[in-house]
Amino acid sequence: MNYKDLKRKPWFKFMSNKYVLVLTVFMVWMVFLDSNSWLIHSELNKEIEEIENNRDYYFQEINQDKKILKKLDDSIEIERFARETYFMKRPNEEIYIIEYQDSLKTKNNE
């Protein structure tokens, strides 16, 4: 197939049009080479989505903490929280912490 035969093909006429060539170069430039390319935008959109998910998670955590703080306004609740979380005790009181075998760390579990 020589150049004359190729020149008669309709797809070659279309692709050799100067506007199509310029548009093709422009599209390649915008999708791959430009600093604001489509690839970079897709990465940035993924980061935005991840950050928004993190924001939603932290709002939920803040709301849970607010509920706990409201609950801890009572001195009895503060004492219960301190006893359960930090193993605090009253004077002249003994506390025994019972750990089960499956909750202990051993060399095999690490």
N, C-alpha and C. Protein backbone atom coordinates (compact mmCIF):
# COMPACT_ATOMS: atom_id res chain seq x y z
N MET A 1 0.85 -1.17 0.00
CA MET A 1 0.00 0.00 0.00
C MET A 1 0.90 1.24 0.00
N ASN A 2 0.71 2.06 -0.96
CA ASN A 2 1.52 3.27 -1.06
C ASN A 2 0.76 4.47 -0.50
N TYR A 3 1.39 5.60 -0.58
CA TYR A 3 0.83 6.83 0.01
C TYR A 3 -0.44 7.26 -0.68
N LYS A 4 -0.53 7.09 -1.98
CA LYS A 4 -1.72 7.50 -2.73
C LYS A 4 -2.94 6.66 -2.32
N ASP A 5 -2.71 5.36 -2.13
CA ASP A 5 -3.82 4.51 -1.70
C ASP A 5 -4.26 4.88 -0.28
N LEU A 6 -3.30 5.16 0.54
CA LEU A 6 -3.60 5.53 1.92
C LEU A 6 -4.33 6.86 1.98
N LYS A 7 -3.98 7.77 1.10
CA LYS A 7 -4.60 9.08 1.05
C LYS A 7 -6.08 9.02 0.67
N ARG A 8 -6.47 7.99 -0.01
CA ARG A 8 -7.86 7.85 -0.44
C ARG A 8 -8.76 7.28 0.67
N LYS A 9 -8.19 6.69 1.67
CA LYS A 9 -8.99 6.10 2.74
C LYS A 9 -9.68 7.20 3.54
N PRO A 10 -10.95 7.00 3.92
CA PRO A 10 -11.68 8.06 4.62
C PRO A 10 -11.13 8.33 6.03
N TRP A 11 -10.68 7.32 6.73
CA TRP A 11 -10.15 7.55 8.08
C TRP A 11 -8.85 8.34 8.02
N PHE A 12 -8.04 8.13 6.99
CA PHE A 12 -6.80 8.88 6.85
C PHE A 12 -7.09 10.35 6.56
N LYS A 13 -8.09 10.60 5.74
CA LYS A 13 -8.47 11.99 5.46
C LYS A 13 -8.92 12.68 6.75
N PHE A 14 -9.69 11.95 7.50
CA PHE A 14 -10.18 12.52 8.75
C PHE A 14 -9.03 12.79 9.73
N MET A 15 -8.15 11.82 9.92
CA MET A 15 -7.06 11.96 10.87
C MET A 15 -5.98 12.95 10.41
N SER A 16 -5.87 13.19 9.14
CA SER A 16 -4.86 14.13 8.65
C SER A 16 -5.38 15.56 8.61
N ASN A 17 -6.62 15.74 8.96
CA ASN A 17 -7.18 17.08 9.04
C ASN A 17 -6.43 17.85 10.14
N LYS A 18 -6.07 19.10 9.85
CA LYS A 18 -5.25 19.86 10.81
C LYS A 18 -5.99 20.11 12.12
N TYR A 19 -7.31 20.25 12.07
CA TYR A 19 -8.07 20.48 13.31
C TYR A 19 -8.10 19.22 14.18
N VAL A 20 -8.23 18.10 13.54
CA VAL A 20 -8.22 16.84 14.28
C VAL A 20 -6.85 16.60 14.89
N LEU A 21 -5.81 16.90 14.15
CA LEU A 21 -4.46 16.74 14.69
C LEU A 21 -4.22 17.65 15.88
N VAL A 22 -4.63 18.91 15.76
CA VAL A 22 -4.45 19.84 16.87
C VAL A 22 -5.26 19.39 18.07
N LEU A 23 -6.49 18.97 17.84
CA LEU A 23 -7.34 18.50 18.93
C LEU A 23 -6.75 17.25 19.60
N THR A 24 -6.19 16.36 18.82
CA THR A 24 -5.57 15.15 19.37
C THR A 24 -4.36 15.51 20.23
N VAL A 25 -3.53 16.38 19.75
CA VAL A 25 -2.36 16.81 20.53
C VAL A 25 -2.81 17.50 21.82
N PHE A 26 -3.83 18.35 21.71
CA PHE A 26 -4.36 19.04 22.88
C PHE A 26 -4.89 18.05 23.91
N MET A 27 -5.62 17.05 23.46
CA MET A 27 -6.18 16.05 24.38
C MET A 27 -5.08 15.25 25.08
N VAL A 28 -4.09 14.84 24.33
CA VAL A 28 -2.97 14.11 24.93
C VAL A 28 -2.26 14.99 25.95
N TRP A 29 -2.06 16.24 25.60
CA TRP A 29 -1.41 17.18 26.51
C TRP A 29 -2.22 17.33 27.80
N MET A 30 -3.52 17.53 27.68
CA MET A 30 -4.36 17.77 28.86
C MET A 30 -4.54 16.53 29.72
N VAL A 31 -4.56 15.38 29.11
CA VAL A 31 -4.79 14.16 29.88
C VAL A 31 -3.51 13.69 30.58
N PHE A 32 -2.36 13.82 29.94
CA PHE A 32 -1.15 13.22 30.49
C PHE A 32 -0.06 14.21 30.90
N LEU A 33 0.14 15.28 30.17
CA LEU A 33 1.35 16.07 30.33
C LEU A 33 1.18 17.36 31.13
N ASP A 34 0.03 17.91 31.18
CA ASP A 34 -0.18 19.20 31.84
C ASP A 34 -0.10 19.05 33.36
N SER A 35 0.23 20.15 34.05
CA SER A 35 0.30 20.10 35.51
C SER A 35 -1.09 19.95 36.13
N ASN A 36 -2.13 20.26 35.39
CA ASN A 36 -3.51 20.07 35.84
C ASN A 36 -4.16 18.94 35.05
N SER A 37 -3.44 17.90 34.82
CA SER A 37 -3.92 16.81 33.96
C SER A 37 -5.04 16.03 34.63
N TRP A 38 -5.69 15.24 33.83
CA TRP A 38 -6.78 14.40 34.31
C TRP A 38 -6.28 13.41 35.35
N LEU A 39 -5.09 12.88 35.17
CA LEU A 39 -4.54 11.92 36.12
C LEU A 39 -4.33 12.55 37.50
N ILE A 40 -3.81 13.76 37.51
CA ILE A 40 -3.60 14.44 38.79
C ILE A 40 -4.93 14.77 39.44
N HIS A 41 -5.90 15.19 38.64
CA HIS A 41 -7.23 15.48 39.19
C HIS A 41 -7.88 14.24 39.79
N SER A 42 -7.70 13.11 39.17
CA SER A 42 -8.29 11.89 39.72
C SER A 42 -7.63 11.52 41.05
N GLU A 43 -6.32 11.70 41.17
CA GLU A 43 -5.64 11.46 42.44
C GLU A 43 -6.13 12.42 43.52
N LEU A 44 -6.27 13.68 43.15
CA LEU A 44 -6.74 14.67 44.11
C LEU A 44 -8.18 14.39 44.54
N ASN A 45 -9.00 13.93 43.63
CA ASN A 45 -10.38 13.58 43.99
C ASN A 45 -10.42 12.41 44.97
N LYS A 46 -9.53 11.45 44.79
CA LYS A 46 -9.45 10.33 45.73
C LYS A 46 -9.03 10.82 47.11
N GLU A 47 -8.06 11.72 47.16
CA GLU A 47 -7.62 12.28 48.45
C GLU A 47 -8.75 13.06 49.12
N ILE A 48 -9.50 13.82 48.34
CA ILE A 48 -10.62 14.59 48.89
C ILE A 48 -11.66 13.64 49.49
N GLU A 49 -11.95 12.57 48.79
CA GLU A 49 -12.93 11.60 49.30
C GLU A 49 -12.45 10.95 50.60
N GLU A 50 -11.17 10.62 50.65
CA GLU A 50 -10.60 10.02 51.86
C GLU A 50 -10.66 11.00 53.03
N ILE A 51 -10.33 12.25 52.79
CA ILE A 51 -10.36 13.26 53.84
C ILE A 51 -11.78 13.50 54.32
N GLU A 52 -12.75 13.50 53.41
CA GLU A 52 -14.14 13.67 53.82
C GLU A 52 -14.61 12.49 54.66
N ASN A 53 -14.17 11.28 54.31
CA ASN A 53 -14.52 10.12 55.13
C ASN A 53 -13.90 10.23 56.53
N ASN A 54 -12.66 10.69 56.60
CA ASN A 54 -12.02 10.90 57.89
C ASN A 54 -12.77 11.95 58.71
N ARG A 55 -13.20 13.02 58.05
CA ARG A 55 -13.93 14.08 58.73
C ARG A 55 -15.23 13.53 59.32
N ASP A 56 -15.95 12.72 58.55
CA ASP A 56 -17.19 12.12 59.05
C ASP A 56 -16.92 11.22 60.24
N TYR A 57 -15.85 10.44 60.16
CA TYR A 57 -15.50 9.55 61.27
C TYR A 57 -15.21 10.37 62.54
N TYR A 58 -14.45 11.43 62.40
CA TYR A 58 -14.10 12.23 63.58
C TYR A 58 -15.30 12.99 64.13
N PHE A 59 -16.24 13.40 63.29
CA PHE A 59 -17.47 14.00 63.79
C PHE A 59 -18.26 12.99 64.62
N GLN A 60 -18.31 11.76 64.17
CA GLN A 60 -18.99 10.71 64.94
C GLN A 60 -18.31 10.49 66.28
N GLU A 61 -16.98 10.46 66.26
CA GLU A 61 -16.24 10.28 67.51
C GLU A 61 -16.47 11.46 68.47
N ILE A 62 -16.51 12.66 67.94
CA ILE A 62 -16.76 13.84 68.77
C ILE A 62 -18.14 13.76 69.39
N ASN A 63 -19.13 13.35 68.62
CA ASN A 63 -20.49 13.22 69.16
C ASN A 63 -20.55 12.16 70.25
N GLN A 64 -19.86 11.04 70.07
CA GLN A 64 -19.82 10.01 71.11
C GLN A 64 -19.15 10.55 72.37
N ASP A 65 -18.06 11.28 72.21
CA ASP A 65 -17.37 11.85 73.37
C ASP A 65 -18.23 12.89 74.09
N LYS A 66 -19.01 13.66 73.33
CA LYS A 66 -19.92 14.62 73.96
C LYS A 66 -20.96 13.91 74.80
N LYS A 67 -21.48 12.78 74.30
CA LYS A 67 -22.45 12.00 75.07
C LYS A 67 -21.82 11.49 76.36
N ILE A 68 -20.59 11.02 76.26
CA ILE A 68 -19.89 10.52 77.45
C ILE A 68 -19.67 11.65 78.45
N LEU A 69 -19.29 12.83 77.95
CA LEU A 69 -19.08 13.97 78.85
C LEU A 69 -20.37 14.40 79.54
N LYS A 70 -21.48 14.37 78.82
CA LYS A 70 -22.76 14.69 79.45
C LYS A 70 -23.09 13.68 80.53
N LYS A 71 -22.79 12.44 80.24
CA LYS A 71 -23.06 11.37 81.20
C LYS A 71 -22.17 11.52 82.44
N LEU A 72 -20.95 12.05 82.26
CA LEU A 72 -20.00 12.18 83.37
C LEU A 72 -20.21 13.44 84.21
N ASP A 73 -21.27 14.19 83.96
CA ASP A 73 -21.55 15.35 84.80
C ASP A 73 -21.89 14.93 86.23
N ASP A 74 -22.40 13.73 86.38
CA ASP A 74 -22.76 13.21 87.70
C ASP A 74 -21.51 12.64 88.37
N SER A 75 -21.34 12.92 89.68
CA SER A 75 -20.14 12.46 90.38
C SER A 75 -20.12 10.94 90.51
N ILE A 76 -21.28 10.31 90.58
CA ILE A 76 -21.33 8.84 90.67
C ILE A 76 -20.81 8.23 89.36
N GLU A 77 -21.18 8.83 88.25
CA GLU A 77 -20.71 8.34 86.95
C GLU A 77 -19.21 8.54 86.79
N ILE A 78 -18.70 9.65 87.30
CA ILE A 78 -17.24 9.89 87.24
C ILE A 78 -16.51 8.82 88.03
N GLU A 79 -17.02 8.50 89.20
CA GLU A 79 -16.39 7.47 90.03
C GLU A 79 -16.44 6.11 89.33
N ARG A 80 -17.59 5.76 88.73
CA ARG A 80 -17.71 4.50 88.01
C ARG A 80 -16.73 4.43 86.85
N PHE A 81 -16.62 5.54 86.10
CA PHE A 81 -15.70 5.59 84.96
C PHE A 81 -14.25 5.43 85.43
N ALA A 82 -13.89 6.11 86.50
CA ALA A 82 -12.52 6.01 87.01
C ALA A 82 -12.21 4.60 87.51
N ARG A 83 -13.17 3.98 88.17
CA ARG A 83 -12.95 2.62 88.66
C ARG A 83 -12.78 1.63 87.51
N GLU A 84 -13.61 1.75 86.49
CA GLU A 84 -13.56 0.79 85.38
C GLU A 84 -12.36 1.01 84.47
N THR A 85 -12.04 2.27 84.20
CA THR A 85 -11.00 2.57 83.23
C THR A 85 -9.60 2.59 83.84
N TYR A 86 -9.46 3.24 84.98
CA TYR A 86 -8.13 3.45 85.57
C TYR A 86 -7.90 2.62 86.83
N PHE A 87 -8.80 1.72 87.14
CA PHE A 87 -8.68 0.82 88.29
C PHE A 87 -8.46 1.60 89.59
N MET A 88 -9.14 2.70 89.75
CA MET A 88 -9.04 3.48 90.98
C MET A 88 -9.88 2.82 92.07
N LYS A 89 -9.57 3.17 93.30
CA LYS A 89 -10.27 2.55 94.42
C LYS A 89 -10.49 3.55 95.53
N ARG A 90 -11.36 3.18 96.43
CA ARG A 90 -11.61 4.00 97.62
C ARG A 90 -10.56 3.65 98.67
N PRO A 91 -10.37 4.55 99.64
CA PRO A 91 -9.42 4.20 100.73
C PRO A 91 -9.89 2.94 101.46
N ASN A 92 -8.95 2.16 101.91
CA ASN A 92 -9.21 0.91 102.64
C ASN A 92 -10.01 -0.09 101.79
N GLU A 93 -9.80 -0.10 100.51
CA GLU A 93 -10.50 -1.02 99.62
C GLU A 93 -9.46 -1.74 98.77
N GLU A 94 -9.65 -3.01 98.55
CA GLU A 94 -8.73 -3.77 97.72
C GLU A 94 -9.43 -4.15 96.42
N ILE A 95 -8.66 -4.11 95.36
CA ILE A 95 -9.19 -4.47 94.05
C ILE A 95 -8.36 -5.62 93.51
N TYR A 96 -9.04 -6.62 93.00
CA TYR A 96 -8.38 -7.77 92.39
C TYR A 96 -8.71 -7.75 90.89
N ILE A 97 -7.67 -7.78 90.09
CA ILE A 97 -7.84 -7.81 88.63
C ILE A 97 -7.61 -9.23 88.18
N ILE A 98 -8.62 -9.80 87.59
CA ILE A 98 -8.55 -11.19 87.14
C ILE A 98 -8.34 -11.18 85.63
N GLU A 99 -7.24 -11.77 85.20
CA GLU A 99 -6.95 -11.88 83.78
C GLU A 99 -7.07 -13.34 83.38
N TYR A 100 -7.72 -13.56 82.27
CA TYR A 100 -7.89 -14.92 81.77
C TYR A 100 -6.70 -15.31 80.91
N GLN A 101 -6.49 -16.59 80.78
CA GLN A 101 -5.32 -17.09 80.06
C GLN A 101 -5.29 -16.59 78.62
N ASP A 102 -6.44 -16.50 77.96
CA ASP A 102 -6.44 -16.08 76.56
C ASP A 102 -6.23 -14.56 76.39
N SER A 103 -6.32 -13.78 77.49
CA SER A 103 -6.09 -12.35 77.38
C SER A 103 -4.65 -11.96 77.72
N LEU A 104 -3.86 -12.90 78.23
CA LEU A 104 -2.47 -12.61 78.58
C LEU A 104 -1.59 -12.69 77.34
N LYS A 105 -0.60 -11.80 77.28
CA LYS A 105 0.34 -11.83 76.17
C LYS A 105 1.45 -12.83 76.48
N THR A 106 1.70 -13.68 75.56
CA THR A 106 2.80 -14.63 75.70
C THR A 106 3.73 -14.46 74.51
N LYS A 107 4.84 -15.14 74.55
CA LYS A 107 5.79 -15.06 73.45
C LYS A 107 5.18 -15.61 72.16
N ASN A 108 4.31 -16.56 72.27
CA ASN A 108 3.68 -17.16 71.08
C ASN A 108 2.68 -16.21 70.44
N ASN A 109 2.02 -15.35 71.23
CA ASN A 109 0.99 -14.44 70.71
C ASN A 109 1.59 -13.22 70.03
N GLU A 110 2.77 -12.85 70.37
CA GLU A 110 3.38 -11.62 69.84
C GLU A 110 3.76 -11.78 68.44
